[in-house]
Amino acid sequence: MKNKSPRDELAANSIKLAQNIPDTTKRNACIAAAYAFANKYLVKSQLDKLLEVLRMNDLATILIGDAVAKTVADTKIEIAKKLIKRGISVEAIAEDTDLEESIIRQLKTELDKESA
């Protein structure tokens, strides 16, 4: 299907249209799908403009918040791995990274298996 409208405009209009869906689950699914497609076809500057449209919706907080949370968690795990390799105690690593001791023990077991 051909359309002469710019892709970023189509994406923004799709999201604005989806925001009118009364069912929250369906609305969020449509918005997430529109953003996923836009992410594949738009350049960064266009995506930034689209995020402005998304900021008017709770889903933006969910998408951005999840991405940030994942990055923070990944960073904590990488730091924990480095500390384990240095021989720092599980308790000290847990205190410094706010990770559960069970997670650190699991990481230690995985690192031990890799080095064996």
PDB file of N, CA and C in Angstrom:
ATOM      1  N   MET A   1       0.837  -1.158   0.000  1.00  0.00           N
ATOM      2  CA  MET A   1       0.000   0.000   0.000  1.00  0.00           C
ATOM      3  C   MET A   1       0.896   1.239   0.000  1.00  0.00           C
ATOM      4  N   LYS A   2       0.728   2.093  -0.947  1.00  0.00           N
ATOM      5  CA  LYS A   2       1.539   3.310  -1.085  1.00  0.00           C
ATOM      6  C   LYS A   2       0.927   4.438  -0.271  1.00  0.00           C
ATOM      7  N   ASN A   3       1.803   5.226   0.313  1.00  0.00           N
ATOM      8  CA  ASN A   3       1.373   6.399   1.046  1.00  0.00           C
ATOM      9  C   ASN A   3       2.421   7.472   0.853  1.00  0.00           C
ATOM     10  N   LYS A   4       2.006   8.679   0.579  1.00  0.00           N
ATOM     11  CA  LYS A   4       2.937   9.766   0.310  1.00  0.00           C
ATOM     12  C   LYS A   4       3.327  10.537   1.572  1.00  0.00           C
ATOM     13  N   SER A   5       2.686  10.243   2.694  1.00  0.00           N
ATOM     14  CA  SER A   5       3.029  10.914   3.946  1.00  0.00           C
ATOM     15  C   SER A   5       4.383  10.431   4.445  1.00  0.00           C
ATOM     16  N   PRO A   6       5.139  11.312   5.110  1.00  0.00           N
ATOM     17  CA  PRO A   6       6.426  10.893   5.677  1.00  0.00           C
ATOM     18  C   PRO A   6       6.220   9.812   6.740  1.00  0.00           C
ATOM     19  N   ARG A   7       7.200   8.918   6.849  1.00  0.00           N
ATOM     20  CA  ARG A   7       7.089   7.799   7.790  1.00  0.00           C
ATOM     21  C   ARG A   7       6.928   8.265   9.230  1.00  0.00           C
ATOM     22  N   ASP A   8       7.660   9.305   9.613  1.00  0.00           N
ATOM     23  CA  ASP A   8       7.549   9.765  10.998  1.00  0.00           C
ATOM     24  C   ASP A   8       6.156  10.313  11.301  1.00  0.00           C
ATOM     25  N   GLU A   9       5.558  10.946  10.307  1.00  0.00           N
ATOM     26  CA  GLU A   9       4.195  11.459  10.471  1.00  0.00           C
ATOM     27  C   GLU A   9       3.200  10.304  10.583  1.00  0.00           C
ATOM     28  N   LEU A  10       3.382   9.280   9.768  1.00  0.00           N
ATOM     29  CA  LEU A  10       2.507   8.104   9.831  1.00  0.00           C
ATOM     30  C   LEU A  10       2.604   7.426  11.197  1.00  0.00           C
ATOM     31  N   ALA A  11       3.840   7.301  11.699  1.00  0.00           N
ATOM     32  CA  ALA A  11       4.039   6.661  13.004  1.00  0.00           C
ATOM     33  C   ALA A  11       3.366   7.471  14.112  1.00  0.00           C
ATOM     34  N   ALA A  12       3.565   8.781  14.090  1.00  0.00           N
ATOM     35  CA  ALA A  12       2.952   9.634  15.119  1.00  0.00           C
ATOM     36  C   ALA A  12       1.434   9.559  15.046  1.00  0.00           C
ATOM     37  N   ASN A  13       0.888   9.588  13.834  1.00  0.00           N
ATOM     38  CA  ASN A  13      -0.568   9.493  13.677  1.00  0.00           C
ATOM     39  C   ASN A  13      -1.094   8.147  14.148  1.00  0.00           C
ATOM     40  N   SER A  14      -0.328   7.074  13.892  1.00  0.00           N
ATOM     41  CA  SER A  14      -0.740   5.738  14.352  1.00  0.00           C
ATOM     42  C   SER A  14      -0.822   5.698  15.872  1.00  0.00           C
ATOM     43  N   ILE A  15       0.164   6.299  16.512  1.00  0.00           N
ATOM     44  CA  ILE A  15       0.175   6.303  17.977  1.00  0.00           C
ATOM     45  C   ILE A  15      -0.951   7.170  18.522  1.00  0.00           C
ATOM     46  N   LYS A  16      -1.152   8.325  17.927  1.00  0.00           N
ATOM     47  CA  LYS A  16      -2.254   9.193  18.375  1.00  0.00           C
ATOM     48  C   LYS A  16      -3.601   8.497  18.204  1.00  0.00           C
ATOM     49  N   LEU A  17      -3.752   7.785  17.100  1.00  0.00           N
ATOM     50  CA  LEU A  17      -4.993   7.047  16.846  1.00  0.00           C
ATOM     51  C   LEU A  17      -5.171   5.928  17.871  1.00  0.00           C
ATOM     52  N   ALA A  18      -4.085   5.217  18.152  1.00  0.00           N
ATOM     53  CA  ALA A  18      -4.150   4.108  19.113  1.00  0.00           C
ATOM     54  C   ALA A  18      -4.480   4.603  20.516  1.00  0.00           C
ATOM     55  N   GLN A  19      -4.116   5.842  20.826  1.00  0.00           N
ATOM     56  CA  GLN A  19      -4.392   6.377  22.157  1.00  0.00           C
ATOM     57  C   GLN A  19      -5.885   6.517  22.430  1.00  0.00           C
ATOM     58  N   ASN A  20      -6.693   6.416  21.389  1.00  0.00           N
ATOM     59  CA  ASN A  20      -8.145   6.500  21.561  1.00  0.00           C
ATOM     60  C   ASN A  20      -8.802   5.152  21.824  1.00  0.00           C
ATOM     61  N   ILE A  21      -8.033   4.077  21.807  1.00  0.00           N
ATOM     62  CA  ILE A  21      -8.585   2.739  22.065  1.00  0.00           C
ATOM     63  C   ILE A  21      -8.926   2.637  23.546  1.00  0.00           C
ATOM     64  N   PRO A  22     -10.180   2.334  23.879  1.00  0.00           N
ATOM     65  CA  PRO A  22     -10.589   2.329  25.288  1.00  0.00           C
ATOM     66  C   PRO A  22      -9.929   1.235  26.131  1.00  0.00           C
ATOM     67  N   ASP A  23      -9.702   0.065  25.573  1.00  0.00           N
ATOM     68  CA  ASP A  23      -9.098  -1.046  26.313  1.00  0.00           C
ATOM     69  C   ASP A  23      -7.599  -0.777  26.477  1.00  0.00           C
ATOM     70  N   THR A  24      -7.157  -0.636  27.717  1.00  0.00           N
ATOM     71  CA  THR A  24      -5.761  -0.281  28.002  1.00  0.00           C
ATOM     72  C   THR A  24      -4.773  -1.295  27.426  1.00  0.00           C
ATOM     73  N   THR A  25      -5.064  -2.570  27.570  1.00  0.00           N
ATOM     74  CA  THR A  25      -4.166  -3.601  27.074  1.00  0.00           C
ATOM     75  C   THR A  25      -4.015  -3.516  25.559  1.00  0.00           C
ATOM     76  N   LYS A  26      -5.147  -3.402  24.873  1.00  0.00           N
ATOM     77  CA  LYS A  26      -5.101  -3.293  23.410  1.00  0.00           C
ATOM     78  C   LYS A  26      -4.430  -1.992  22.978  1.00  0.00           C
ATOM     79  N   ARG A  27      -4.727  -0.910  23.687  1.00  0.00           N
ATOM     80  CA  ARG A  27      -4.130   0.385  23.366  1.00  0.00           C
ATOM     81  C   ARG A  27      -2.605   0.307  23.485  1.00  0.00           C
ATOM     82  N   ASN A  28      -2.120  -0.232  24.607  1.00  0.00           N
ATOM     83  CA  ASN A  28      -0.678  -0.336  24.812  1.00  0.00           C
ATOM     84  C   ASN A  28      -0.029  -1.266  23.791  1.00  0.00           C
ATOM     85  N   ALA A  29      -0.725  -2.346  23.430  1.00  0.00           N
ATOM     86  CA  ALA A  29      -0.187  -3.268  22.423  1.00  0.00           C
ATOM     87  C   ALA A  29      -0.053  -2.574  21.065  1.00  0.00           C
ATOM     88  N   CYS A  30      -1.058  -1.802  20.695  1.00  0.00           N
ATOM     89  CA  CYS A  30      -1.013  -1.080  19.412  1.00  0.00           C
ATOM     90  C   CYS A  30       0.078  -0.013  19.406  1.00  0.00           C
ATOM     91  N   ILE A  31       0.196   0.700  20.507  1.00  0.00           N
ATOM     92  CA  ILE A  31       1.224   1.738  20.597  1.00  0.00           C
ATOM     93  C   ILE A  31       2.611   1.108  20.562  1.00  0.00           C
ATOM     94  N   ALA A  32       2.782   0.022  21.291  1.00  0.00           N
ATOM     95  CA  ALA A  32       4.079  -0.666  21.293  1.00  0.00           C
ATOM     96  C   ALA A  32       4.432  -1.182  19.900  1.00  0.00           C
ATOM     97  N   ALA A  33       3.439  -1.726  19.201  1.00  0.00           N
ATOM     98  CA  ALA A  33       3.677  -2.225  17.835  1.00  0.00           C
ATOM     99  C   ALA A  33       4.037  -1.075  16.901  1.00  0.00           C
ATOM    100  N   ALA A  34       3.335   0.037  17.007  1.00  0.00           N
ATOM    101  CA  ALA A  34       3.632   1.198  16.159  1.00  0.00           C
ATOM    102  C   ALA A  34       5.041   1.706  16.436  1.00  0.00           C
ATOM    103  N   TYR A  35       5.419   1.737  17.706  1.00  0.00           N
ATOM    104  CA  TYR A  35       6.767   2.198  18.049  1.00  0.00           C
ATOM    105  C   TYR A  35       7.823   1.212  17.557  1.00  0.00           C
ATOM    106  N   ALA A  36       7.544  -0.075  17.664  1.00  0.00           N
ATOM    107  CA  ALA A  36       8.498  -1.083  17.189  1.00  0.00           C
ATOM    108  C   ALA A  36       8.736  -0.950  15.684  1.00  0.00           C
ATOM    109  N   PHE A  37       7.670  -0.774  14.930  1.00  0.00           N
ATOM    110  CA  PHE A  37       7.821  -0.571  13.481  1.00  0.00           C
ATOM    111  C   PHE A  37       8.575   0.714  13.195  1.00  0.00           C
ATOM    112  N   ALA A  38       8.238   1.769  13.921  1.00  0.00           N
ATOM    113  CA  ALA A  38       8.908   3.051  13.718  1.00  0.00           C
ATOM    114  C   ALA A  38      10.400   2.930  14.031  1.00  0.00           C
ATOM    115  N   ASN A  39      10.707   2.185  15.069  1.00  0.00           N
ATOM    116  CA  ASN A  39      12.098   1.995  15.469  1.00  0.00           C
ATOM    117  C   ASN A  39      12.922   1.346  14.360  1.00  0.00           C
ATOM    118  N   LYS A  40      12.264   0.549  13.555  1.00  0.00           N
ATOM    119  CA  LYS A  40      12.945  -0.134  12.453  1.00  0.00           C
ATOM    120  C   LYS A  40      13.135   0.784  11.244  1.00  0.00           C
ATOM    121  N   TYR A  41      12.233   1.722  11.022  1.00  0.00           N
ATOM    122  CA  TYR A  41      12.235   2.501   9.782  1.00  0.00           C
ATOM    123  C   TYR A  41      12.601   3.977   9.923  1.00  0.00           C
ATOM    124  N   LEU A  42      12.689   4.473  11.135  1.00  0.00           N
ATOM    125  CA  LEU A  42      12.979   5.895  11.315  1.00  0.00           C
ATOM    126  C   LEU A  42      14.412   6.111  11.788  1.00  0.00           C
ATOM    127  N   VAL A  43      14.941   7.280  11.498  1.00  0.00           N
ATOM    128  CA  VAL A  43      16.269   7.647  11.995  1.00  0.00           C
ATOM    129  C   VAL A  43      16.111   8.208  13.407  1.00  0.00           C
ATOM    130  N   LYS A  44      17.239   8.357  14.107  1.00  0.00           N
ATOM    131  CA  LYS A  44      17.208   8.757  15.512  1.00  0.00           C
ATOM    132  C   LYS A  44      16.449  10.063  15.742  1.00  0.00           C
ATOM    133  N   SER A  45      16.675  11.063  14.927  1.00  0.00           N
ATOM    134  CA  SER A  45      15.997  12.351  15.138  1.00  0.00           C
ATOM    135  C   SER A  45      14.479  12.204  15.013  1.00  0.00           C
ATOM    136  N   GLN A  46      14.038  11.339  14.090  1.00  0.00           N
ATOM    137  CA  GLN A  46      12.602  11.105  13.938  1.00  0.00           C
ATOM    138  C   GLN A  46      12.060  10.331  15.135  1.00  0.00           C
ATOM    139  N   LEU A  47      12.840   9.368  15.639  1.00  0.00           N
ATOM    140  CA  LEU A  47      12.416   8.606  16.819  1.00  0.00           C
ATOM    141  C   LEU A  47      12.309   9.511  18.045  1.00  0.00           C
ATOM    142  N   ASP A  48      13.222  10.467  18.153  1.00  0.00           N
ATOM    143  CA  ASP A  48      13.154  11.407  19.280  1.00  0.00           C
ATOM    144  C   ASP A  48      11.857  12.204  19.250  1.00  0.00           C
ATOM    145  N   LYS A  49      11.454  12.637  18.064  1.00  0.00           N
ATOM    146  CA  LYS A  49      10.189  13.370  17.932  1.00  0.00           C
ATOM    147  C   LYS A  49       9.011  12.463  18.286  1.00  0.00           C
ATOM    148  N   LEU A  50       9.120  11.202  17.871  1.00  0.00           N
ATOM    149  CA  LEU A  50       8.052  10.250  18.166  1.00  0.00           C
ATOM    150  C   LEU A  50       7.950   9.999  19.670  1.00  0.00           C
ATOM    151  N   LEU A  51       9.086   9.991  20.346  1.00  0.00           N
ATOM    152  CA  LEU A  51       9.064   9.815  21.800  1.00  0.00           C
ATOM    153  C   LEU A  51       8.333  10.959  22.490  1.00  0.00           C
ATOM    154  N   GLU A  52       8.374  12.140  21.893  1.00  0.00           N
ATOM    155  CA  GLU A  52       7.608  13.259  22.446  1.00  0.00           C
ATOM    156  C   GLU A  52       6.110  12.936  22.421  1.00  0.00           C
ATOM    157  N   VAL A  53       5.666  12.312  21.336  1.00  0.00           N
ATOM    158  CA  VAL A  53       4.262  11.894  21.244  1.00  0.00           C
ATOM    159  C   VAL A  53       3.991  10.813  22.286  1.00  0.00           C
ATOM    160  N   LEU A  54       4.932   9.887  22.431  1.00  0.00           N
ATOM    161  CA  LEU A  54       4.757   8.793  23.381  1.00  0.00           C
ATOM    162  C   LEU A  54       4.749   9.270  24.833  1.00  0.00           C
ATOM    163  N   ARG A  55       5.458  10.337  25.108  1.00  0.00           N
ATOM    164  CA  ARG A  55       5.525  10.825  26.491  1.00  0.00           C
ATOM    165  C   ARG A  55       4.155  11.204  27.026  1.00  0.00           C
ATOM    166  N   MET A  56       3.224  11.413  26.142  1.00  0.00           N
ATOM    167  CA  MET A  56       1.870  11.736  26.571  1.00  0.00           C
ATOM    168  C   MET A  56       1.111  10.475  26.980  1.00  0.00           C
ATOM    169  N   ASN A  57       1.767   9.336  26.914  1.00  0.00           N
ATOM    170  CA  ASN A  57       1.113   8.069  27.195  1.00  0.00           C
ATOM    171  C   ASN A  57       1.892   7.322  28.260  1.00  0.00           C
ATOM    172  N   ASP A  58       1.223   6.569  29.105  1.00  0.00           N
ATOM    173  CA  ASP A  58       1.879   5.790  30.141  1.00  0.00           C
ATOM    174  C   ASP A  58       2.839   4.767  29.567  1.00  0.00           C
ATOM    175  N   LEU A  59       2.593   4.312  28.346  1.00  0.00           N
ATOM    176  CA  LEU A  59       3.445   3.289  27.757  1.00  0.00           C
ATOM    177  C   LEU A  59       4.870   3.792  27.591  1.00  0.00           C
ATOM    178  N   ALA A  60       5.044   5.067  27.339  1.00  0.00           N
ATOM    179  CA  ALA A  60       6.392   5.615  27.189  1.00  0.00           C
ATOM    180  C   ALA A  60       7.188   5.374  28.468  1.00  0.00           C
ATOM    181  N   THR A  61       6.560   5.606  29.598  1.00  0.00           N
ATOM    182  CA  THR A  61       7.222   5.381  30.873  1.00  0.00           C
ATOM    183  C   THR A  61       7.582   3.913  31.027  1.00  0.00           C
ATOM    184  N   ILE A  62       6.674   3.053  30.615  1.00  0.00           N
ATOM    185  CA  ILE A  62       6.927   1.616  30.704  1.00  0.00           C
ATOM    186  C   ILE A  62       8.088   1.226  29.804  1.00  0.00           C
ATOM    187  N   LEU A  63       8.055   1.661  28.534  1.00  0.00           N
ATOM    188  CA  LEU A  63       9.109   1.303  27.584  1.00  0.00           C
ATOM    189  C   LEU A  63      10.455   1.863  28.006  1.00  0.00           C
ATOM    190  N   ILE A  64      10.487   3.141  28.316  1.00  0.00           N
ATOM    191  CA  ILE A  64      11.744   3.787  28.675  1.00  0.00           C
ATOM    192  C   ILE A  64      12.213   3.288  30.036  1.00  0.00           C
ATOM    193  N   GLY A  65      11.292   3.167  30.977  1.00  0.00           N
ATOM    194  CA  GLY A  65      11.645   2.684  32.308  1.00  0.00           C
ATOM    195  C   GLY A  65      12.212   1.278  32.284  1.00  0.00           C
ATOM    196  N   ASP A  66      11.610   0.384  31.510  1.00  0.00           N
ATOM    197  CA  ASP A  66      12.112  -0.984  31.394  1.00  0.00           C
ATOM    198  C   ASP A  66      13.500  -1.010  30.782  1.00  0.00           C
ATOM    199  N   ALA A  67      13.718  -0.196  29.781  1.00  0.00           N
ATOM    200  CA  ALA A  67      15.028  -0.155  29.125  1.00  0.00           C
ATOM    201  C   ALA A  67      16.096   0.327  30.100  1.00  0.00           C
ATOM    202  N   VAL A  68      15.774   1.366  30.860  1.00  0.00           N
ATOM    203  CA  VAL A  68      16.728   1.892  31.837  1.00  0.00           C
ATOM    204  C   VAL A  68      16.970   0.874  32.933  1.00  0.00           C
ATOM    205  N   ALA A  69      15.916   0.259  33.426  1.00  0.00           N
ATOM    206  CA  ALA A  69      16.047  -0.734  34.486  1.00  0.00           C
ATOM    207  C   ALA A  69      16.912  -1.906  34.029  1.00  0.00           C
ATOM    208  N   LYS A  70      16.717  -2.335  32.791  1.00  0.00           N
ATOM    209  CA  LYS A  70      17.511  -3.444  32.259  1.00  0.00           C
ATOM    210  C   LYS A  70      18.975  -3.052  32.171  1.00  0.00           C
ATOM    211  N   THR A  71      19.252  -1.850  31.731  1.00  0.00           N
ATOM    212  CA  THR A  71      20.625  -1.375  31.624  1.00  0.00           C
ATOM    213  C   THR A  71      21.280  -1.311  32.995  1.00  0.00           C
ATOM    214  N   VAL A  72      20.559  -0.806  33.986  1.00  0.00           N
ATOM    215  CA  VAL A  72      21.090  -0.717  35.345  1.00  0.00           C
ATOM    216  C   VAL A  72      21.361  -2.118  35.891  1.00  0.00           C
ATOM    217  N   ALA A  73      20.412  -3.031  35.699  1.00  0.00           N
ATOM    218  CA  ALA A  73      20.594  -4.398  36.186  1.00  0.00           C
ATOM    219  C   ALA A  73      21.784  -5.070  35.514  1.00  0.00           C
ATOM    220  N   ASP A  74      21.916  -4.897  34.195  1.00  0.00           N
ATOM    221  CA  ASP A  74      23.051  -5.472  33.466  1.00  0.00           C
ATOM    222  C   ASP A  74      24.368  -4.907  33.980  1.00  0.00           C
ATOM    223  N   THR A  75      24.389  -3.616  34.255  1.00  0.00           N
ATOM    224  CA  THR A  75      25.604  -2.973  34.769  1.00  0.00           C
ATOM    225  C   THR A  75      25.959  -3.522  36.148  1.00  0.00           C
ATOM    226  N   LYS A  76      24.961  -3.679  37.004  1.00  0.00           N
ATOM    227  CA  LYS A  76      25.219  -4.228  38.336  1.00  0.00           C
ATOM    228  C   LYS A  76      25.787  -5.642  38.248  1.00  0.00           C
ATOM    229  N   ILE A  77      25.260  -6.429  37.328  1.00  0.00           N
ATOM    230  CA  ILE A  77      25.736  -7.801  37.166  1.00  0.00           C
ATOM    231  C   ILE A  77      27.181  -7.812  36.675  1.00  0.00           C
ATOM    232  N   GLU A  78      27.505  -6.944  35.726  1.00  0.00           N
ATOM    233  CA  GLU A  78      28.884  -6.867  35.223  1.00  0.00           C
ATOM    234  C   GLU A  78      29.839  -6.440  36.331  1.00  0.00           C
ATOM    235  N   ILE A  79      29.430  -5.490  37.156  1.00  0.00           N
ATOM    236  CA  ILE A  79      30.261  -5.051  38.285  1.00  0.00           C
ATOM    237  C   ILE A  79      30.438  -6.204  39.268  1.00  0.00           C
ATOM    238  N   ALA A  80      29.352  -6.914  39.548  1.00  0.00           N
ATOM    239  CA  ALA A  80      29.423  -8.049  40.472  1.00  0.00           C
ATOM    240  C   ALA A  80      30.396  -9.105  39.957  1.00  0.00           C
ATOM    241  N   LYS A  81      30.359  -9.380  38.661  1.00  0.00           N
ATOM    242  CA  LYS A  81      31.283 -10.364  38.076  1.00  0.00           C
ATOM    243  C   LYS A  81      32.733  -9.943  38.277  1.00  0.00           C
ATOM    244  N   LYS A  82      33.011  -8.670  38.066  1.00  0.00           N
ATOM    245  CA  LYS A  82      34.381  -8.168  38.247  1.00  0.00           C
ATOM    246  C   LYS A  82      34.818  -8.298  39.703  1.00  0.00           C
ATOM    247  N   LEU A  83      33.908  -7.985  40.615  1.00  0.00           N
ATOM    248  CA  LEU A  83      34.237  -8.085  42.034  1.00  0.00           C
ATOM    249  C   LEU A  83      34.440  -9.539  42.460  1.00  0.00           C
ATOM    250  N   ILE A  84      33.642 -10.438  41.895  1.00  0.00           N
ATOM    251  CA  ILE A  84      33.805 -11.869  42.188  1.00  0.00           C
ATOM    252  C   ILE A  84      35.194 -12.322  41.742  1.00  0.00           C
ATOM    253  N   LYS A  85      35.592 -11.910  40.545  1.00  0.00           N
ATOM    254  CA  LYS A  85      36.916 -12.280  40.017  1.00  0.00           C
ATOM    255  C   LYS A  85      38.049 -11.738  40.890  1.00  0.00           C
ATOM    256  N   ARG A  86      37.800 -10.635  41.571  1.00  0.00           N
ATOM    257  CA  ARG A  86      38.805 -10.051  42.462  1.00  0.00           C
ATOM    258  C   ARG A  86      38.810 -10.713  43.840  1.00  0.00           C
ATOM    259  N   GLY A  87      37.849 -11.607  44.060  1.00  0.00           N
ATOM    260  CA  GLY A  87      37.809 -12.329  45.325  1.00  0.00           C
ATOM    261  C   GLY A  87      37.064 -11.614  46.441  1.00  0.00           C
ATOM    262  N   ILE A  88      36.260 -10.624  46.095  1.00  0.00           N
ATOM    263  CA  ILE A  88      35.483  -9.891  47.106  1.00  0.00           C
ATOM    264  C   ILE A  88      34.359 -10.804  47.601  1.00  0.00           C
ATOM    265  N   SER A  89      34.019 -10.692  48.876  1.00  0.00           N
ATOM    266  CA  SER A  89      33.000 -11.568  49.460  1.00  0.00           C
ATOM    267  C   SER A  89      31.620 -11.294  48.866  1.00  0.00           C
ATOM    268  N   VAL A  90      30.806 -12.336  48.881  1.00  0.00           N
ATOM    269  CA  VAL A  90      29.430 -12.242  48.376  1.00  0.00           C
ATOM    270  C   VAL A  90      28.665 -11.156  49.126  1.00  0.00           C
ATOM    271  N   GLU A  91      28.848 -11.105  50.434  1.00  0.00           N
ATOM    272  CA  GLU A  91      28.135 -10.127  51.257  1.00  0.00           C
ATOM    273  C   GLU A  91      28.524  -8.695  50.871  1.00  0.00           C
ATOM    274  N   ALA A  92      29.816  -8.458  50.662  1.00  0.00           N
ATOM    275  CA  ALA A  92      30.288  -7.117  50.300  1.00  0.00           C
ATOM    276  C   ALA A  92      29.772  -6.718  48.916  1.00  0.00           C
ATOM    277  N   ILE A  93      29.769  -7.681  47.988  1.00  0.00           N
ATOM    278  CA  ILE A  93      29.265  -7.399  46.641  1.00  0.00           C
ATOM    279  C   ILE A  93      27.778  -7.063  46.702  1.00  0.00           C
ATOM    280  N   ALA A  94      27.035  -7.819  47.489  1.00  0.00           N
ATOM    281  CA  ALA A  94      25.593  -7.570  47.637  1.00  0.00           C
ATOM    282  C   ALA A  94      25.357  -6.173  48.199  1.00  0.00           C
ATOM    283  N   GLU A  95      26.155  -5.803  49.182  1.00  0.00           N
ATOM    284  CA  GLU A  95      26.002  -4.479  49.790  1.00  0.00           C
ATOM    285  C   GLU A  95      26.332  -3.367  48.793  1.00  0.00           C
ATOM    286  N   ASP A  96      27.369  -3.574  47.992  1.00  0.00           N
ATOM    287  CA  ASP A  96      27.810  -2.531  47.059  1.00  0.00           C
ATOM    288  C   ASP A  96      26.948  -2.423  45.803  1.00  0.00           C
ATOM    289  N   THR A  97      26.337  -3.534  45.380  1.00  0.00           N
ATOM    290  CA  THR A  97      25.573  -3.523  44.123  1.00  0.00           C
ATOM    291  C   THR A  97      24.064  -3.561  44.320  1.00  0.00           C
ATOM    292  N   ASP A  98      23.614  -3.804  45.552  1.00  0.00           N
ATOM    293  CA  ASP A  98      22.184  -3.977  45.841  1.00  0.00           C
ATOM    294  C   ASP A  98      21.587  -5.189  45.135  1.00  0.00           C
ATOM    295  N   LEU A  99      22.430  -6.149  44.751  1.00  0.00           N
ATOM    296  CA  LEU A  99      21.941  -7.410  44.190  1.00  0.00           C
ATOM    297  C   LEU A  99      21.725  -8.388  45.330  1.00  0.00           C
ATOM    298  N   GLU A 100      20.810  -9.317  45.134  1.00  0.00           N
ATOM    299  CA  GLU A 100      20.562 -10.356  46.129  1.00  0.00           C
ATOM    300  C   GLU A 100      21.779 -11.274  46.209  1.00  0.00           C
ATOM    301  N   GLU A 101      22.079 -11.750  47.406  1.00  0.00           N
ATOM    302  CA  GLU A 101      23.217 -12.653  47.578  1.00  0.00           C
ATOM    303  C   GLU A 101      23.056 -13.916  46.740  1.00  0.00           C
ATOM    304  N   SER A 102      21.825 -14.396  46.586  1.00  0.00           N
ATOM    305  CA  SER A 102      21.594 -15.609  45.790  1.00  0.00           C
ATOM    306  C   SER A 102      21.994 -15.390  44.331  1.00  0.00           C
ATOM    307  N   ILE A 103      21.755 -14.201  43.810  1.00  0.00           N
ATOM    308  CA  ILE A 103      22.139 -13.890  42.425  1.00  0.00           C
ATOM    309  C   ILE A 103      23.662 -13.873  42.310  1.00  0.00           C
ATOM    310  N   ILE A 104      24.316 -13.289  43.294  1.00  0.00           N
ATOM    311  CA  ILE A 104      25.780 -13.220  43.269  1.00  0.00           C
ATOM    312  C   ILE A 104      26.374 -14.621  43.366  1.00  0.00           C
ATOM    313  N   ARG A 105      25.801 -15.462  44.211  1.00  0.00           N
ATOM    314  CA  ARG A 105      26.288 -16.850  44.320  1.00  0.00           C
ATOM    315  C   ARG A 105      26.108 -17.588  42.991  1.00  0.00           C
ATOM    316  N   GLN A 106      24.980 -17.341  42.334  1.00  0.00           N
ATOM    317  CA  GLN A 106      24.731 -17.959  41.030  1.00  0.00           C
ATOM    318  C   GLN A 106      25.769 -17.470  40.004  1.00  0.00           C
ATOM    319  N   LEU A 107      26.058 -16.184  40.009  1.00  0.00           N
ATOM    320  CA  LEU A 107      27.081 -15.639  39.109  1.00  0.00           C
ATOM    321  C   LEU A 107      28.439 -16.261  39.398  1.00  0.00           C
ATOM    322  N   LYS A 108      28.743 -16.417  40.676  1.00  0.00           N
ATOM    323  CA  LYS A 108      30.014 -17.018  41.078  1.00  0.00           C
ATOM    324  C   LYS A 108      30.114 -18.453  40.573  1.00  0.00           C
ATOM    325  N   THR A 109      29.039 -19.202  40.703  1.00  0.00           N
ATOM    326  CA  THR A 109      29.009 -20.585  40.215  1.00  0.00           C
ATOM    327  C   THR A 109      29.230 -20.619  38.697  1.00  0.00           C
ATOM    328  N   GLU A 110      28.567 -19.735  37.970  1.00  0.00           N
ATOM    329  CA  GLU A 110      28.714 -19.666  36.519  1.00  0.00           C
ATOM    330  C   GLU A 110      30.145 -19.304  36.133  1.00  0.00           C
ATOM    331  N   LEU A 111      30.732 -18.348  36.821  1.00  0.00           N
ATOM    332  CA  LEU A 111      32.113 -17.955  36.537  1.00  0.00           C
ATOM    333  C   LEU A 111      33.079 -19.083  36.846  1.00  0.00           C
ATOM    334  N   ASP A 112      32.826 -19.810  37.941  1.00  0.00           N
ATOM    335  CA  ASP A 112      33.671 -20.949  38.297  1.00  0.00           C
ATOM    336  C   ASP A 112      33.623 -22.015  37.210  1.00  0.00           C
ATOM    337  N   LYS A 113      32.440 -22.290  36.659  1.00  0.00           N
ATOM    338  CA  LYS A 113      32.281 -23.282  35.603  1.00  0.00           C
ATOM    339  C   LYS A 113      33.010 -22.848  34.332  1.00  0.00           C
ATOM    340  N   GLU A 114      32.930 -21.527  34.015  1.00  0.00           N
ATOM    341  CA  GLU A 114      33.586 -21.010  32.810  1.00  0.00           C
ATOM    342  C   GLU A 114      35.103 -21.121  32.914  1.00  0.00           C
ATOM    343  N   SER A 115      35.639 -20.919  34.112  1.00  0.00           N
ATOM    344  CA  SER A 115      37.092 -20.934  34.280  1.00  0.00           C
ATOM    345  C   SER A 115      37.643 -22.349  34.461  1.00  0.00           C
ATOM    346  N   ALA A 116      36.768 -23.319  34.673  1.00  0.00           N
ATOM    347  CA  ALA A 116      37.220 -24.711  34.876  1.00  0.00           C
ATOM    348  C   ALA A 116      37.548 -25.405  33.575  1.00  0.00           C
TER     349      ALA A 116
END
